[in-house]
């Protein structure tokens, strides 16, 4: 069995949509419900804390055969230890070493955060960035959560363009995770 660890419920919702898209295209076979696969850790500090996995240790190598961590690198000025891409990369690699699980373990880090990632995939990105600037949305929330909520409200039927090239690396990691799993 595979497991994906992510930070929060927005991440889980996004991942379920992406996983269902991969299933629909035939890239993932044999899974009907991704809820049990994606585990919300309740924030980056929990996701990067070895103690958060004490109950899961017993399943590793028995029920769990592959694991993927997915999280945001956030902003370095907000977190000197784990903020920013390089600090986040070091933190997850240190965690994987500490956990010492003898199974396939990988990770994917969103640059800054999921909302920045999503905005970068929009075909109307310039218009949304203009909206962000006009209404000074970054002053209210610098992680672009407001902007992605506006986008999803305006385009509820197609909130994400999973064919965008920015999704390729993450989709490949997810395909690898589910390869040969039933």
N, C-alpha and C. Protein backbone atom coordinates (compact mmCIF):
# COMPACT_ATOMS: atom_id res chain seq x y z
N UNK A 1 0.84 -1.17 0.00
CA UNK A 1 0.00 0.00 0.00
C UNK A 1 0.89 1.25 0.00
N UNK A 2 0.38 2.30 -0.61
CA UNK A 2 1.11 3.56 -0.68
C UNK A 2 0.49 4.56 0.27
N UNK A 3 1.27 5.58 0.62
CA UNK A 3 0.77 6.66 1.47
C UNK A 3 1.40 7.96 1.01
N UNK A 4 0.58 9.01 1.01
CA UNK A 4 1.05 10.36 0.72
C UNK A 4 0.81 11.19 1.98
N UNK A 5 1.85 11.83 2.47
CA UNK A 5 1.74 12.72 3.61
C UNK A 5 1.79 14.15 3.10
N UNK A 6 0.79 14.96 3.48
CA UNK A 6 0.76 16.36 3.09
C UNK A 6 0.46 17.21 4.31
N UNK A 7 0.55 18.53 4.14
CA UNK A 7 0.38 19.44 5.27
C UNK A 7 -1.07 19.60 5.74
N UNK A 8 -1.97 19.97 4.82
CA UNK A 8 -3.30 20.34 5.26
C UNK A 8 -4.41 19.84 4.36
N UNK A 9 -5.64 20.21 4.73
CA UNK A 9 -6.81 19.71 4.01
C UNK A 9 -6.91 20.29 2.59
N UNK A 10 -6.46 21.53 2.37
CA UNK A 10 -6.45 22.08 1.00
C UNK A 10 -5.53 21.25 0.11
N UNK A 11 -4.40 20.84 0.67
CA UNK A 11 -3.46 20.00 -0.09
C UNK A 11 -4.12 18.66 -0.44
N UNK A 12 -4.82 18.08 0.52
CA UNK A 12 -5.48 16.79 0.29
C UNK A 12 -6.54 16.92 -0.80
N UNK A 13 -7.33 17.98 -0.74
CA UNK A 13 -8.36 18.21 -1.76
C UNK A 13 -7.73 18.33 -3.14
N UNK A 14 -6.67 19.11 -3.23
CA UNK A 14 -5.95 19.28 -4.49
C UNK A 14 -5.39 17.93 -4.98
N UNK A 15 -4.77 17.18 -4.09
CA UNK A 15 -4.17 15.90 -4.47
C UNK A 15 -5.23 14.89 -4.93
N UNK A 16 -6.38 14.88 -4.27
CA UNK A 16 -7.46 13.99 -4.72
C UNK A 16 -7.89 14.32 -6.14
N UNK A 17 -8.01 15.61 -6.46
CA UNK A 17 -8.37 16.02 -7.82
C UNK A 17 -7.31 15.56 -8.83
N UNK A 18 -6.05 15.77 -8.48
CA UNK A 18 -4.96 15.37 -9.37
C UNK A 18 -4.91 13.85 -9.52
N UNK A 19 -5.05 13.13 -8.43
CA UNK A 19 -5.03 11.66 -8.50
C UNK A 19 -6.21 11.13 -9.32
N UNK A 20 -7.37 11.72 -9.15
CA UNK A 20 -8.53 11.30 -9.96
C UNK A 20 -8.32 11.61 -11.43
N UNK A 21 -7.65 12.71 -11.74
CA UNK A 21 -7.32 13.04 -13.12
C UNK A 21 -6.36 11.99 -13.70
N UNK A 22 -5.37 11.59 -12.91
CA UNK A 22 -4.43 10.55 -13.35
C UNK A 22 -5.14 9.21 -13.53
N UNK A 23 -6.10 8.92 -12.67
CA UNK A 23 -6.88 7.68 -12.81
C UNK A 23 -7.72 7.73 -14.09
N UNK A 24 -8.36 8.87 -14.31
CA UNK A 24 -9.21 9.04 -15.49
C UNK A 24 -8.41 8.87 -16.78
N UNK A 25 -7.16 9.32 -16.79
CA UNK A 25 -6.31 9.21 -17.98
C UNK A 25 -5.66 7.83 -18.09
N UNK A 26 -5.85 6.96 -17.09
CA UNK A 26 -5.29 5.61 -17.13
C UNK A 26 -3.88 5.51 -16.57
N UNK A 27 -3.38 6.58 -15.99
CA UNK A 27 -2.03 6.56 -15.43
C UNK A 27 -1.97 5.89 -14.05
N UNK A 28 -3.11 5.84 -13.38
CA UNK A 28 -3.23 5.12 -12.11
C UNK A 28 -4.38 4.14 -12.27
N UNK A 29 -4.12 2.88 -11.96
CA UNK A 29 -5.12 1.82 -12.16
C UNK A 29 -5.36 1.11 -10.84
N UNK A 30 -6.62 0.79 -10.57
CA UNK A 30 -6.95 -0.07 -9.43
C UNK A 30 -7.28 0.65 -8.14
N UNK A 31 -7.36 1.96 -8.14
CA UNK A 31 -7.70 2.70 -6.94
C UNK A 31 -9.01 3.43 -7.17
N UNK A 32 -9.96 3.27 -6.24
CA UNK A 32 -11.24 3.94 -6.35
C UNK A 32 -11.37 5.09 -5.37
N UNK A 33 -10.67 5.00 -4.25
CA UNK A 33 -10.81 6.00 -3.20
C UNK A 33 -9.42 6.42 -2.72
N UNK A 34 -9.10 7.68 -2.93
CA UNK A 34 -7.78 8.16 -2.54
C UNK A 34 -7.75 8.75 -1.14
N UNK A 35 -8.91 8.80 -0.46
CA UNK A 35 -8.95 9.37 0.89
C UNK A 35 -8.03 8.65 1.86
N UNK A 36 -8.00 7.33 1.77
CA UNK A 36 -7.17 6.56 2.70
C UNK A 36 -5.69 6.63 2.35
N UNK A 37 -5.38 7.06 1.15
CA UNK A 37 -3.99 7.14 0.70
C UNK A 37 -3.32 8.44 1.14
N UNK A 38 -4.10 9.53 1.14
CA UNK A 38 -3.55 10.85 1.47
C UNK A 38 -3.81 11.16 2.94
N UNK A 39 -2.74 11.39 3.68
CA UNK A 39 -2.83 11.65 5.12
C UNK A 39 -2.42 13.10 5.40
N UNK A 40 -3.32 13.85 6.02
CA UNK A 40 -3.05 15.23 6.41
C UNK A 40 -2.30 15.23 7.74
N UNK A 41 -1.18 15.94 7.77
CA UNK A 41 -0.33 15.94 8.97
C UNK A 41 -0.59 17.14 9.88
N UNK A 42 -1.38 18.10 9.44
CA UNK A 42 -1.69 19.24 10.30
C UNK A 42 -0.61 20.30 10.34
N UNK A 43 0.06 20.50 9.23
CA UNK A 43 1.06 21.56 9.14
C UNK A 43 2.45 21.03 8.86
N UNK A 44 3.30 21.94 8.41
CA UNK A 44 4.66 21.58 8.04
C UNK A 44 5.49 21.09 9.23
N UNK A 45 5.28 21.72 10.39
CA UNK A 45 6.07 21.31 11.56
C UNK A 45 5.77 19.87 11.95
N UNK A 46 4.51 19.45 11.84
CA UNK A 46 4.17 18.05 12.11
C UNK A 46 4.69 17.13 11.02
N UNK A 47 4.57 17.56 9.77
CA UNK A 47 5.03 16.74 8.65
C UNK A 47 6.53 16.46 8.76
N UNK A 48 7.29 17.43 9.24
CA UNK A 48 8.75 17.28 9.32
C UNK A 48 9.23 16.79 10.69
N UNK A 49 8.31 16.36 11.53
CA UNK A 49 8.66 15.91 12.87
C UNK A 49 8.63 14.38 12.93
N UNK A 50 9.76 13.77 13.25
CA UNK A 50 9.87 12.31 13.30
C UNK A 50 8.83 11.68 14.23
N UNK A 51 8.53 12.34 15.33
CA UNK A 51 7.57 11.79 16.30
C UNK A 51 6.16 11.64 15.70
N UNK A 52 5.86 12.40 14.68
CA UNK A 52 4.54 12.31 14.04
C UNK A 52 4.31 10.96 13.37
N UNK A 53 5.37 10.20 13.17
CA UNK A 53 5.28 8.94 12.43
C UNK A 53 5.46 7.71 13.33
N UNK A 54 5.42 7.90 14.64
CA UNK A 54 5.66 6.78 15.55
C UNK A 54 4.65 5.65 15.37
N UNK A 55 3.39 5.97 15.12
CA UNK A 55 2.38 4.91 14.93
C UNK A 55 2.47 4.29 13.53
N UNK A 56 3.00 5.03 12.60
CA UNK A 56 3.11 4.56 11.21
C UNK A 56 4.31 3.63 11.04
N UNK A 57 5.32 3.80 11.90
CA UNK A 57 6.52 2.97 11.83
C UNK A 57 6.19 1.48 11.77
N UNK A 58 5.17 1.07 12.50
CA UNK A 58 4.80 -0.34 12.57
C UNK A 58 4.26 -0.86 11.23
N UNK A 59 3.71 0.04 10.42
CA UNK A 59 3.13 -0.36 9.13
C UNK A 59 4.16 -0.38 7.99
N UNK A 60 5.26 0.35 8.19
CA UNK A 60 6.26 0.48 7.14
C UNK A 60 6.92 -0.87 6.86
N UNK A 61 6.91 -1.24 5.58
CA UNK A 61 7.49 -2.50 5.17
C UNK A 61 6.50 -3.65 5.21
N UNK A 62 5.43 -3.49 5.97
CA UNK A 62 4.39 -4.51 6.02
C UNK A 62 3.22 -4.05 5.15
N UNK A 63 2.36 -3.14 5.69
CA UNK A 63 1.27 -2.60 4.88
C UNK A 63 1.75 -1.51 3.92
N UNK A 64 2.63 -0.65 4.39
CA UNK A 64 3.11 0.47 3.57
C UNK A 64 4.40 0.09 2.85
N UNK A 65 4.35 0.23 1.52
CA UNK A 65 5.53 -0.15 0.72
C UNK A 65 6.16 1.04 -0.01
N UNK A 66 5.41 2.14 -0.15
CA UNK A 66 5.92 3.35 -0.79
C UNK A 66 5.30 4.56 -0.13
N UNK A 67 6.11 5.61 0.05
CA UNK A 67 5.63 6.83 0.70
C UNK A 67 6.11 8.04 -0.08
N UNK A 68 5.23 9.04 -0.18
CA UNK A 68 5.57 10.30 -0.82
C UNK A 68 5.15 11.44 0.11
N UNK A 69 6.09 12.32 0.43
CA UNK A 69 5.82 13.52 1.20
C UNK A 69 5.60 14.67 0.21
N UNK A 70 4.54 15.45 0.41
CA UNK A 70 4.26 16.60 -0.45
C UNK A 70 3.96 17.78 0.47
N UNK A 71 4.73 18.86 0.28
CA UNK A 71 4.53 20.03 1.14
C UNK A 71 5.09 21.28 0.48
N UNK A 72 4.78 22.43 1.10
CA UNK A 72 5.24 23.73 0.62
C UNK A 72 6.57 24.08 1.26
N UNK A 73 7.39 24.83 0.52
CA UNK A 73 8.63 25.29 1.14
C UNK A 73 8.41 26.59 1.90
N UNK A 74 7.30 27.29 1.64
CA UNK A 74 6.97 28.53 2.32
C UNK A 74 8.03 29.60 2.08
N UNK A 75 8.04 30.59 2.93
CA UNK A 75 8.93 31.73 2.76
C UNK A 75 10.04 31.68 3.80
N UNK A 76 11.27 31.88 3.37
CA UNK A 76 12.41 31.80 4.28
C UNK A 76 12.31 32.84 5.39
N UNK A 77 11.78 34.02 5.09
CA UNK A 77 11.68 35.06 6.13
C UNK A 77 10.68 34.70 7.22
N UNK A 78 9.77 33.77 6.95
CA UNK A 78 8.80 33.34 7.96
C UNK A 78 9.32 32.20 8.82
N UNK A 79 10.29 31.47 8.32
CA UNK A 79 10.81 30.31 9.04
C UNK A 79 12.26 30.10 8.62
N UNK A 80 13.17 30.52 9.47
CA UNK A 80 14.60 30.46 9.13
C UNK A 80 15.12 29.03 9.07
N UNK A 81 14.47 28.10 9.76
CA UNK A 81 14.94 26.72 9.79
C UNK A 81 14.43 25.91 8.60
N UNK A 82 13.12 25.97 8.35
CA UNK A 82 12.53 25.14 7.29
C UNK A 82 11.94 25.95 6.14
N UNK A 83 11.96 27.26 6.21
CA UNK A 83 11.40 28.08 5.15
C UNK A 83 12.35 28.21 3.98
N UNK A 84 11.81 28.36 2.79
CA UNK A 84 12.62 28.44 1.58
C UNK A 84 12.90 27.04 1.06
N UNK A 85 13.19 26.96 -0.23
CA UNK A 85 13.34 25.65 -0.88
C UNK A 85 14.51 24.84 -0.31
N UNK A 86 15.68 25.45 -0.21
CA UNK A 86 16.86 24.70 0.25
C UNK A 86 16.71 24.21 1.69
N UNK A 87 16.18 25.05 2.57
CA UNK A 87 15.96 24.63 3.96
C UNK A 87 14.92 23.51 4.05
N UNK A 88 13.87 23.61 3.23
CA UNK A 88 12.84 22.57 3.22
C UNK A 88 13.40 21.25 2.70
N UNK A 89 14.20 21.34 1.66
CA UNK A 89 14.82 20.14 1.09
C UNK A 89 15.72 19.47 2.12
N UNK A 90 16.53 20.25 2.82
CA UNK A 90 17.40 19.68 3.84
C UNK A 90 16.57 19.05 4.97
N UNK A 91 15.50 19.73 5.38
CA UNK A 91 14.66 19.21 6.47
C UNK A 91 14.01 17.88 6.10
N UNK A 92 13.49 17.76 4.87
CA UNK A 92 12.83 16.50 4.50
C UNK A 92 13.86 15.40 4.30
N UNK A 93 15.00 15.72 3.75
CA UNK A 93 16.05 14.70 3.58
C UNK A 93 16.57 14.23 4.93
N UNK A 94 16.69 15.15 5.90
CA UNK A 94 17.10 14.76 7.26
C UNK A 94 16.05 13.86 7.89
N UNK A 95 14.77 14.20 7.71
CA UNK A 95 13.69 13.38 8.26
C UNK A 95 13.72 11.97 7.66
N UNK A 96 13.86 11.89 6.36
CA UNK A 96 13.89 10.57 5.70
C UNK A 96 15.05 9.74 6.22
N UNK A 97 16.19 10.38 6.43
CA UNK A 97 17.36 9.68 6.98
C UNK A 97 17.07 9.21 8.41
N UNK A 98 16.48 10.08 9.23
CA UNK A 98 16.15 9.73 10.62
C UNK A 98 15.15 8.59 10.69
N UNK A 99 14.13 8.63 9.84
CA UNK A 99 13.10 7.59 9.87
C UNK A 99 13.68 6.24 9.48
N UNK A 100 14.65 6.25 8.57
CA UNK A 100 15.36 5.03 8.17
C UNK A 100 14.41 3.90 7.75
N UNK A 101 13.38 4.27 7.01
CA UNK A 101 12.45 3.28 6.50
C UNK A 101 13.10 2.57 5.32
N UNK A 102 13.00 1.27 5.28
CA UNK A 102 13.62 0.46 4.23
C UNK A 102 12.63 0.20 3.09
N UNK A 103 11.97 1.27 2.68
CA UNK A 103 11.02 1.19 1.57
C UNK A 103 11.28 2.39 0.65
N UNK A 104 10.54 2.48 -0.44
CA UNK A 104 10.67 3.61 -1.36
C UNK A 104 10.03 4.84 -0.71
N UNK A 105 10.84 5.89 -0.54
CA UNK A 105 10.37 7.15 0.04
C UNK A 105 10.84 8.28 -0.87
N UNK A 106 9.92 9.15 -1.22
CA UNK A 106 10.25 10.29 -2.09
C UNK A 106 9.53 11.52 -1.56
N UNK A 107 9.82 12.67 -2.16
CA UNK A 107 9.16 13.90 -1.74
C UNK A 107 9.01 14.85 -2.92
N UNK A 108 8.04 15.75 -2.75
CA UNK A 108 7.83 16.84 -3.71
C UNK A 108 7.57 18.10 -2.90
N UNK A 109 8.30 19.16 -3.23
CA UNK A 109 8.16 20.42 -2.51
C UNK A 109 7.63 21.48 -3.47
N UNK A 110 6.49 22.08 -3.11
CA UNK A 110 5.97 23.20 -3.89
C UNK A 110 6.83 24.43 -3.61
N UNK A 111 7.24 25.11 -4.66
CA UNK A 111 7.99 26.35 -4.48
C UNK A 111 7.07 27.40 -3.86
N UNK A 112 7.45 27.94 -2.77
CA UNK A 112 6.68 28.85 -1.93
C UNK A 112 5.49 28.10 -1.33
N UNK A 113 4.40 27.94 -2.11
CA UNK A 113 3.26 27.18 -1.58
C UNK A 113 2.35 26.74 -2.73
N UNK A 114 1.35 25.96 -2.39
CA UNK A 114 0.43 25.42 -3.40
C UNK A 114 -0.25 26.53 -4.18
N UNK A 115 -0.62 27.60 -3.52
CA UNK A 115 -1.33 28.69 -4.21
C UNK A 115 -0.45 29.36 -5.26
N UNK A 116 0.80 29.59 -4.96
CA UNK A 116 1.74 30.13 -5.96
C UNK A 116 1.85 29.17 -7.14
N UNK A 117 1.96 27.89 -6.83
CA UNK A 117 2.07 26.86 -7.86
C UNK A 117 0.86 26.89 -8.79
N UNK A 118 -0.33 26.96 -8.20
CA UNK A 118 -1.56 26.98 -9.00
C UNK A 118 -1.62 28.23 -9.88
N UNK A 119 -1.32 29.38 -9.32
CA UNK A 119 -1.36 30.64 -10.09
C UNK A 119 -0.42 30.55 -11.29
N UNK A 120 0.74 29.94 -11.10
CA UNK A 120 1.70 29.82 -12.21
C UNK A 120 1.20 28.93 -13.34
N UNK A 121 0.16 28.15 -13.11
CA UNK A 121 -0.37 27.26 -14.16
C UNK A 121 -1.58 27.83 -14.89
N UNK A 122 -2.05 28.98 -14.49
CA UNK A 122 -3.25 29.56 -15.08
C UNK A 122 -2.97 30.13 -16.46
N UNK A 123 -3.90 29.91 -17.38
CA UNK A 123 -3.74 30.50 -18.70
C UNK A 123 -4.04 32.00 -18.67
N UNK A 124 -4.74 32.47 -17.64
CA UNK A 124 -5.03 33.90 -17.47
C UNK A 124 -4.23 34.46 -16.30
N UNK A 125 -3.04 33.95 -16.12
CA UNK A 125 -2.20 34.34 -14.99
C UNK A 125 -2.00 35.85 -14.91
N UNK A 126 -1.69 36.50 -16.02
CA UNK A 126 -1.43 37.94 -16.01
C UNK A 126 -2.63 38.72 -15.51
N UNK A 127 -3.82 38.30 -15.90
CA UNK A 127 -5.03 39.00 -15.45
C UNK A 127 -5.25 38.83 -13.95
N UNK A 128 -4.98 37.64 -13.44
CA UNK A 128 -5.14 37.42 -12.01
C UNK A 128 -4.07 38.15 -11.20
N UNK A 129 -2.86 38.21 -11.73
CA UNK A 129 -1.81 38.96 -11.04
C UNK A 129 -2.15 40.46 -11.05
N UNK A 130 -2.77 40.95 -12.14
CA UNK A 130 -3.22 42.33 -12.20
C UNK A 130 -4.29 42.60 -11.14
N UNK A 131 -5.19 41.64 -10.97
CA UNK A 131 -6.23 41.73 -9.96
C UNK A 131 -5.60 41.77 -8.56
N UNK A 132 -4.62 40.92 -8.36
CA UNK A 132 -3.92 40.87 -7.08
C UNK A 132 -3.27 42.22 -6.76
N UNK A 133 -2.65 42.81 -7.77
CA UNK A 133 -1.99 44.10 -7.58
C UNK A 133 -3.01 45.22 -7.36
N UNK A 134 -4.05 45.25 -8.17
CA UNK A 134 -5.07 46.29 -8.09
C UNK A 134 -5.74 46.34 -6.70
N UNK A 135 -6.07 45.17 -6.18
CA UNK A 135 -6.75 45.10 -4.89
C UNK A 135 -5.78 44.94 -3.71
N UNK A 136 -4.49 44.99 -3.99
CA UNK A 136 -3.45 44.86 -2.95
C UNK A 136 -3.68 43.62 -2.09
N UNK A 137 -3.95 42.50 -2.76
CA UNK A 137 -4.26 41.26 -2.06
C UNK A 137 -3.07 40.70 -1.29
N UNK A 138 -1.85 40.94 -1.78
CA UNK A 138 -0.68 40.41 -1.07
C UNK A 138 -0.53 41.03 0.31
N UNK A 139 -1.04 42.25 0.47
CA UNK A 139 -1.01 42.89 1.79
C UNK A 139 -1.92 42.16 2.78
N UNK A 140 -2.98 41.55 2.25
CA UNK A 140 -3.91 40.79 3.09
C UNK A 140 -3.42 39.37 3.35
N UNK A 141 -2.83 38.76 2.31
CA UNK A 141 -2.37 37.38 2.43
C UNK A 141 -1.31 37.13 1.36
N UNK A 142 -0.05 37.10 1.78
CA UNK A 142 1.04 37.01 0.79
C UNK A 142 1.15 35.65 0.11
N UNK A 143 0.47 34.63 0.63
CA UNK A 143 0.61 33.31 0.02
C UNK A 143 -0.36 33.05 -1.13
N UNK A 144 -1.10 34.05 -1.55
CA UNK A 144 -1.99 34.00 -2.72
C UNK A 144 -3.23 33.12 -2.52
N UNK A 145 -3.57 32.80 -1.31
CA UNK A 145 -4.77 32.01 -1.04
C UNK A 145 -6.01 32.73 -1.55
N UNK A 146 -6.10 34.06 -1.35
CA UNK A 146 -7.26 34.82 -1.80
C UNK A 146 -7.40 34.73 -3.31
N UNK A 147 -6.27 34.86 -4.00
CA UNK A 147 -6.29 34.83 -5.47
C UNK A 147 -6.75 33.47 -6.00
N UNK A 148 -6.28 32.39 -5.41
CA UNK A 148 -6.72 31.07 -5.88
C UNK A 148 -8.19 30.82 -5.54
N UNK A 149 -8.67 31.35 -4.43
CA UNK A 149 -10.09 31.22 -4.10
C UNK A 149 -10.95 31.97 -5.12
N UNK A 150 -10.51 33.15 -5.52
CA UNK A 150 -11.22 33.91 -6.55
C UNK A 150 -11.26 33.10 -7.84
N UNK A 151 -10.13 32.54 -8.23
CA UNK A 151 -10.06 31.76 -9.46
C UNK A 151 -11.01 30.57 -9.41
N UNK A 152 -10.97 29.82 -8.31
CA UNK A 152 -11.82 28.64 -8.19
C UNK A 152 -13.30 29.01 -8.18
N UNK A 153 -13.63 30.18 -7.64
CA UNK A 153 -15.02 30.64 -7.65
C UNK A 153 -15.47 31.00 -9.06
N UNK A 154 -14.59 31.61 -9.83
CA UNK A 154 -14.93 32.01 -11.19
C UNK A 154 -14.96 30.83 -12.16
N UNK A 155 -14.12 29.82 -11.91
CA UNK A 155 -14.00 28.67 -12.81
C UNK A 155 -14.16 27.36 -12.03
N UNK A 156 -15.32 27.12 -11.44
CA UNK A 156 -15.49 25.93 -10.59
C UNK A 156 -15.44 24.60 -11.35
N UNK A 157 -15.77 24.60 -12.62
CA UNK A 157 -15.79 23.34 -13.37
C UNK A 157 -14.40 22.88 -13.76
N UNK A 158 -13.46 23.79 -13.89
CA UNK A 158 -12.09 23.43 -14.27
C UNK A 158 -11.12 24.26 -13.42
N UNK A 159 -11.01 23.90 -12.14
CA UNK A 159 -10.15 24.72 -11.28
C UNK A 159 -8.65 24.59 -11.58
N UNK A 160 -8.25 23.49 -12.21
CA UNK A 160 -6.82 23.28 -12.49
C UNK A 160 -6.63 22.74 -13.89
N UNK A 161 -5.56 23.16 -14.53
CA UNK A 161 -5.18 22.63 -15.84
C UNK A 161 -4.04 21.64 -15.63
N UNK A 162 -4.40 20.39 -15.36
CA UNK A 162 -3.38 19.38 -15.05
C UNK A 162 -2.49 19.05 -16.24
N UNK A 163 -2.85 19.53 -17.43
CA UNK A 163 -1.98 19.31 -18.59
C UNK A 163 -0.83 20.32 -18.65
N UNK A 164 -0.87 21.34 -17.78
CA UNK A 164 0.20 22.34 -17.76
C UNK A 164 1.52 21.67 -17.38
N UNK A 165 2.59 22.12 -18.01
CA UNK A 165 3.91 21.50 -17.80
C UNK A 165 4.39 21.58 -16.35
N UNK A 166 3.92 22.55 -15.58
CA UNK A 166 4.35 22.65 -14.18
C UNK A 166 3.90 21.45 -13.34
N UNK A 167 2.88 20.74 -13.81
CA UNK A 167 2.40 19.56 -13.09
C UNK A 167 3.21 18.30 -13.41
N UNK A 168 4.03 18.34 -14.44
CA UNK A 168 4.69 17.12 -14.93
C UNK A 168 5.51 16.38 -13.87
N UNK A 169 6.36 17.09 -13.15
CA UNK A 169 7.20 16.43 -12.15
C UNK A 169 6.37 15.78 -11.05
N UNK A 170 5.38 16.51 -10.55
CA UNK A 170 4.52 15.95 -9.50
C UNK A 170 3.73 14.75 -10.03
N UNK A 171 3.18 14.87 -11.23
CA UNK A 171 2.44 13.74 -11.81
C UNK A 171 3.34 12.53 -11.96
N UNK A 172 4.57 12.73 -12.37
CA UNK A 172 5.49 11.59 -12.53
C UNK A 172 5.77 10.93 -11.19
N UNK A 173 5.96 11.72 -10.15
CA UNK A 173 6.19 11.16 -8.82
C UNK A 173 4.97 10.36 -8.35
N UNK A 174 3.78 10.87 -8.64
CA UNK A 174 2.56 10.14 -8.26
C UNK A 174 2.41 8.86 -9.08
N UNK A 175 2.71 8.92 -10.36
CA UNK A 175 2.64 7.70 -11.19
C UNK A 175 3.63 6.66 -10.67
N UNK A 176 4.83 7.09 -10.33
CA UNK A 176 5.84 6.16 -9.79
C UNK A 176 5.37 5.55 -8.48
N UNK A 177 4.72 6.36 -7.65
CA UNK A 177 4.23 5.90 -6.37
C UNK A 177 3.20 4.77 -6.55
N UNK A 178 2.32 4.93 -7.51
CA UNK A 178 1.23 3.96 -7.70
C UNK A 178 1.59 2.83 -8.67
N UNK A 179 2.73 2.92 -9.31
CA UNK A 179 3.14 1.88 -10.25
C UNK A 179 3.25 0.54 -9.51
N UNK A 180 2.67 -0.48 -10.10
CA UNK A 180 2.69 -1.85 -9.56
C UNK A 180 1.93 -2.01 -8.25
N UNK A 181 1.11 -1.01 -7.89
CA UNK A 181 0.28 -1.11 -6.67
C UNK A 181 -1.14 -1.44 -7.09
N UNK A 182 -1.84 -2.15 -6.26
CA UNK A 182 -3.23 -2.49 -6.54
C UNK A 182 -4.08 -2.15 -5.34
